[in-house]
Amino acid sequence: MRFKLRLLIPLILSFIKGFTQNLETRKATTNLSETSFLERTEFSAGYFGNIFWNNGINLGTEYLWKERTKTKTKRGKERTTTHQFLLNGNLGFTTNFSTKTDTGLFTNYGLTWRRTNKKGKQFSISLNPIGYYRSFLPETYEVKGDNVDKVFLPGRGYYAPSISFGIGKQRKGKKLTGRYFNVNLMLRTPFNAGTLPTLNFQYGYRFNFKKKKNAKNHK
């Protein structure tokens, strides 16, 4: 697993670097310097888990870093595609509500590439090399000499990078700016003598706090 991870991460970074260089050659550019921090920031909230035994929530934020728009004419109709790079951060919690096991709190940070077509349909890839997962165990005791003491917040922490692939739909001029469905692969390491991969689903909505008139004018 570690060998595969060492191969996967450089390939993903190479893809992002190549795509960024490709975007730089496009003529259509959005002038983001004229937009405020709040106008370039969106938030998200939704479900995170694998449905069967692990369920929870995920809160996130995205900051628009770069944006390029390409317009081409096909069969007499203009087709506009927008490519974005966004800096993202997430905070989530999952647990097995029946057994109270596999409970964890996680956070991760990274880069998202998103493609949006003329109809608002979206495809995205998120790479989060900075991640931390803290597990929480049920009531646990430890023996110290002749005493048996209850452990405060039993569990442990893991380095937890992740990658997500997803689809979504943009809603222009709305406070709820879009919905998304992602498949997320998270790696917890070191887990015993190796790495523990976990596959989860994410479904939710993105929103912002921009004024309505600004949301209409912002592209």
Protein backbone atom coordinates (compact mmCIF):
# COMPACT_ATOMS: atom_id res chain seq x y z
CA MET A 1 0.00 0.00 0.00
CA ARG A 2 2.82 2.45 0.84
CA PHE A 3 4.49 1.67 -2.51
CA LYS A 4 1.24 2.38 -4.37
CA LEU A 5 0.76 5.63 -2.43
CA ARG A 6 4.26 6.80 -3.37
CA LEU A 7 3.39 6.26 -7.03
CA LEU A 8 -0.12 7.76 -6.87
CA ILE A 9 0.70 11.11 -5.28
CA PRO A 10 3.44 12.13 -7.79
CA LEU A 11 1.13 11.20 -10.68
CA ILE A 12 -1.68 13.37 -9.30
CA LEU A 13 0.67 16.29 -8.65
CA SER A 14 2.05 15.95 -12.18
CA PHE A 15 -1.50 16.02 -13.60
CA ILE A 16 -2.37 19.18 -11.67
CA LYS A 17 0.87 20.91 -12.70
CA GLY A 18 0.33 20.05 -16.36
CA PHE A 19 -3.28 21.17 -16.28
CA THR A 20 -2.33 24.46 -14.63
CA GLN A 21 0.22 25.16 -17.36
CA ASN A 22 -2.41 24.37 -19.97
CA LEU A 23 -4.84 26.83 -18.41
CA GLU A 24 -2.23 29.58 -18.53
CA THR A 25 -2.23 29.38 -22.35
CA ARG A 26 -5.95 30.15 -22.63
CA LYS A 27 -6.97 33.69 -23.64
CA ALA A 28 -10.20 34.00 -21.65
CA THR A 29 -9.30 34.97 -18.10
CA THR A 30 -11.43 36.03 -15.14
CA ASN A 31 -10.05 39.08 -13.31
CA LEU A 32 -10.38 37.87 -9.73
CA SER A 33 -8.49 40.85 -8.32
CA GLU A 34 -11.72 42.86 -8.56
CA THR A 35 -13.66 40.47 -6.33
CA SER A 36 -13.59 40.42 -2.54
CA PHE A 37 -12.52 37.54 -0.35
CA LEU A 38 -16.13 36.77 0.55
CA GLU A 39 -17.19 36.75 -3.11
CA ARG A 40 -14.49 34.17 -3.88
CA THR A 41 -15.40 31.94 -0.92
CA GLU A 42 -18.10 29.29 -0.72
CA PHE A 43 -19.09 26.96 2.09
CA SER A 44 -20.54 23.46 2.06
CA ALA A 45 -22.40 21.13 4.38
CA GLY A 46 -23.58 17.59 3.86
CA TYR A 47 -23.47 13.88 4.56
CA PHE A 48 -20.19 11.96 4.91
CA GLY A 49 -19.99 8.18 5.37
CA ASN A 50 -20.40 4.81 3.71
CA ILE A 51 -24.15 4.44 4.53
CA PHE A 52 -23.85 0.88 5.88
CA TRP A 53 -22.05 1.23 9.22
CA ASN A 54 -20.36 4.62 9.29
CA ASN A 55 -22.31 7.89 8.99
CA GLY A 56 -21.66 11.53 9.77
CA ILE A 57 -21.41 15.10 8.52
CA ASN A 58 -18.85 17.22 6.72
CA LEU A 59 -18.44 21.01 6.74
CA GLY A 60 -16.17 22.65 4.22
CA THR A 61 -15.01 25.87 2.61
CA GLU A 62 -13.57 26.66 -0.83
CA TYR A 63 -11.61 29.72 -1.96
CA LEU A 64 -11.45 30.47 -5.69
CA TRP A 65 -7.77 30.71 -6.60
CA LYS A 66 -7.74 30.61 -10.40
CA GLU A 67 -10.43 30.58 -13.07
CA ARG A 68 -10.34 30.23 -16.86
CA THR A 69 -13.24 30.26 -19.31
CA LYS A 70 -13.16 28.76 -22.77
CA THR A 71 -15.85 29.47 -25.39
CA LYS A 72 -16.12 27.59 -28.65
CA THR A 73 -18.74 27.30 -31.37
CA LYS A 74 -20.08 23.86 -32.24
CA ARG A 75 -22.92 23.29 -34.72
CA GLY A 76 -23.73 26.99 -34.67
CA LYS A 77 -24.03 27.17 -30.89
CA GLU A 78 -21.63 28.66 -28.38
CA ARG A 79 -20.43 26.32 -25.67
CA THR A 80 -18.76 27.81 -22.60
CA THR A 81 -16.68 25.75 -20.20
CA THR A 82 -15.19 27.10 -16.96
CA HIS A 83 -12.16 25.58 -15.25
CA GLN A 84 -11.42 26.51 -11.64
CA PHE A 85 -8.75 25.79 -9.08
CA LEU A 86 -9.94 26.19 -5.49
CA LEU A 87 -8.19 25.94 -2.13
CA ASN A 88 -10.32 23.81 0.18
CA GLY A 89 -10.60 22.90 3.85
CA ASN A 90 -12.90 20.37 5.55
CA LEU A 91 -13.98 19.36 9.03
CA GLY A 92 -16.02 16.19 9.59
CA PHE A 93 -17.33 13.70 12.11
CA THR A 94 -18.41 10.06 11.59
CA THR A 95 -19.54 7.22 13.82
CA ASN A 96 -21.52 3.99 13.95
CA PHE A 97 -24.64 5.20 15.72
CA SER A 98 -25.70 1.64 16.62
CA THR A 99 -22.51 0.35 18.25
CA LYS A 100 -20.80 3.71 18.99
CA THR A 101 -17.61 2.32 17.43
CA ASP A 102 -15.47 3.62 14.57
CA THR A 103 -16.01 7.16 15.81
CA GLY A 104 -13.70 9.80 14.44
CA LEU A 105 -13.14 13.50 13.90
CA PHE A 106 -11.13 14.55 10.82
CA THR A 107 -9.87 17.61 9.01
CA ASN A 108 -8.07 17.98 5.68
CA TYR A 109 -6.79 20.69 3.34
CA GLY A 110 -5.83 20.73 -0.31
CA LEU A 111 -6.63 21.73 -3.88
CA THR A 112 -9.76 21.19 -5.99
CA TRP A 113 -10.00 21.33 -9.78
CA ARG A 114 -13.55 21.82 -11.07
CA ARG A 115 -14.98 21.89 -14.58
CA THR A 116 -18.40 23.50 -15.23
CA ASN A 117 -20.19 23.39 -18.59
CA LYS A 118 -22.76 25.77 -20.03
CA LYS A 119 -25.65 23.93 -18.35
CA GLY A 120 -24.00 24.12 -14.93
CA LYS A 121 -23.04 20.46 -14.74
CA GLN A 122 -19.79 19.97 -12.86
CA PHE A 123 -16.98 17.45 -12.47
CA SER A 124 -14.28 17.86 -9.84
CA ILE A 125 -11.14 16.27 -8.43
CA SER A 126 -9.85 17.15 -4.95
CA LEU A 127 -6.41 16.24 -3.65
CA ASN A 128 -5.90 16.79 0.08
CA PRO A 129 -2.31 15.97 1.09
CA ILE A 130 -2.73 17.61 4.51
CA GLY A 131 -5.08 15.56 6.67
CA TYR A 132 -5.57 14.43 10.26
CA TYR A 133 -7.95 11.82 11.70
CA ARG A 134 -8.58 11.36 15.45
CA SER A 135 -10.33 8.16 16.47
CA PHE A 136 -12.34 7.84 19.70
CA LEU A 137 -12.77 4.47 21.41
CA PRO A 138 -15.60 3.36 23.72
CA GLU A 139 -15.08 3.44 27.49
CA THR A 140 -11.54 2.19 28.15
CA TYR A 141 -9.53 1.44 31.30
CA GLU A 142 -5.81 0.99 31.91
CA VAL A 143 -3.84 -0.69 34.68
CA LYS A 144 -1.20 1.39 36.46
CA GLY A 145 0.47 -0.64 39.18
CA ASP A 146 -2.28 -1.73 41.55
CA ASN A 147 -4.78 0.80 40.19
CA VAL A 148 -7.29 0.56 37.34
CA ASP A 149 -8.00 3.98 35.87
CA LYS A 150 -10.44 5.19 33.26
CA VAL A 151 -8.73 6.57 30.14
CA PHE A 152 -9.67 10.14 29.24
CA LEU A 153 -10.68 10.41 25.54
CA PRO A 154 -9.27 7.02 24.47
CA GLY A 155 -8.17 6.73 20.85
CA ARG A 156 -5.33 7.91 18.65
CA GLY A 157 -4.44 10.22 15.79
CA TYR A 158 -3.46 9.42 12.20
CA TYR A 159 -2.01 11.23 9.24
CA ALA A 160 -4.95 11.07 6.80
CA PRO A 161 -4.47 12.34 3.22
CA SER A 162 -7.41 11.90 0.86
CA ILE A 163 -8.59 12.22 -2.72
CA SER A 164 -12.14 12.81 -4.02
CA PHE A 165 -13.88 12.52 -7.39
CA GLY A 166 -17.29 14.11 -7.77
CA ILE A 167 -20.12 15.51 -9.84
CA GLY A 168 -22.46 18.39 -9.12
CA LYS A 169 -24.82 21.08 -10.41
CA GLN A 170 -24.31 24.83 -10.24
CA ARG A 171 -27.19 27.15 -9.26
CA LYS A 172 -26.36 30.67 -10.44
CA GLY A 173 -27.69 33.66 -8.50
CA LYS A 174 -28.79 31.53 -5.53
CA LYS A 175 -27.68 31.41 -1.91
CA LEU A 176 -27.49 27.63 -2.30
CA THR A 177 -24.98 27.83 -5.14
CA GLY A 178 -24.84 24.14 -5.98
CA ARG A 179 -25.14 20.52 -4.94
CA TYR A 180 -22.49 17.81 -5.10
CA PHE A 181 -21.89 14.07 -4.83
CA ASN A 182 -18.32 12.87 -4.23
CA VAL A 183 -16.56 9.57 -3.72
CA ASN A 184 -13.78 10.01 -1.17
CA LEU A 185 -10.78 7.76 -0.48
CA MET A 186 -9.00 8.46 2.81
CA LEU A 187 -5.82 6.75 4.01
CA ARG A 188 -5.10 6.47 7.74
CA THR A 189 -1.46 5.88 8.59
CA PRO A 190 0.29 4.43 10.46
CA PHE A 191 -2.50 1.93 11.18
CA ASN A 192 -1.00 -1.00 13.07
CA ALA A 193 1.86 -1.95 10.72
CA GLY A 194 0.48 -0.35 7.57
CA THR A 195 -2.20 1.91 6.09
CA LEU A 196 -5.99 1.69 6.39
CA PRO A 197 -7.92 2.87 3.29
CA THR A 198 -11.54 3.97 3.84
CA LEU A 199 -14.06 4.71 1.10
CA ASN A 200 -16.84 7.21 1.83
CA PHE A 201 -19.57 9.13 0.03
CA GLN A 202 -20.21 12.85 0.28
CA TYR A 203 -23.51 14.49 -0.61
CA GLY A 204 -24.57 18.03 0.18
CA TYR A 205 -24.91 21.66 -0.85
CA ARG A 206 -22.62 24.62 -1.33
CA PHE A 207 -23.67 28.12 -0.28
CA ASN A 208 -22.31 31.64 0.20
CA PHE A 209 -23.02 34.84 2.08
CA LYS A 210 -22.80 37.23 -0.85
CA LYS A 211 -25.44 39.88 -1.39
CA LYS A 212 -27.97 38.91 -4.01
CA LYS A 213 -27.03 41.71 -6.41
CA ASN A 214 -23.38 40.69 -6.27
CA ALA A 215 -24.23 37.03 -6.82
CA LYS A 216 -26.00 37.97 -10.06
CA ASN A 217 -23.15 40.02 -11.40
CA HIS A 218 -20.40 37.60 -10.44
CA LYS A 219 -19.48 34.98 -13.00
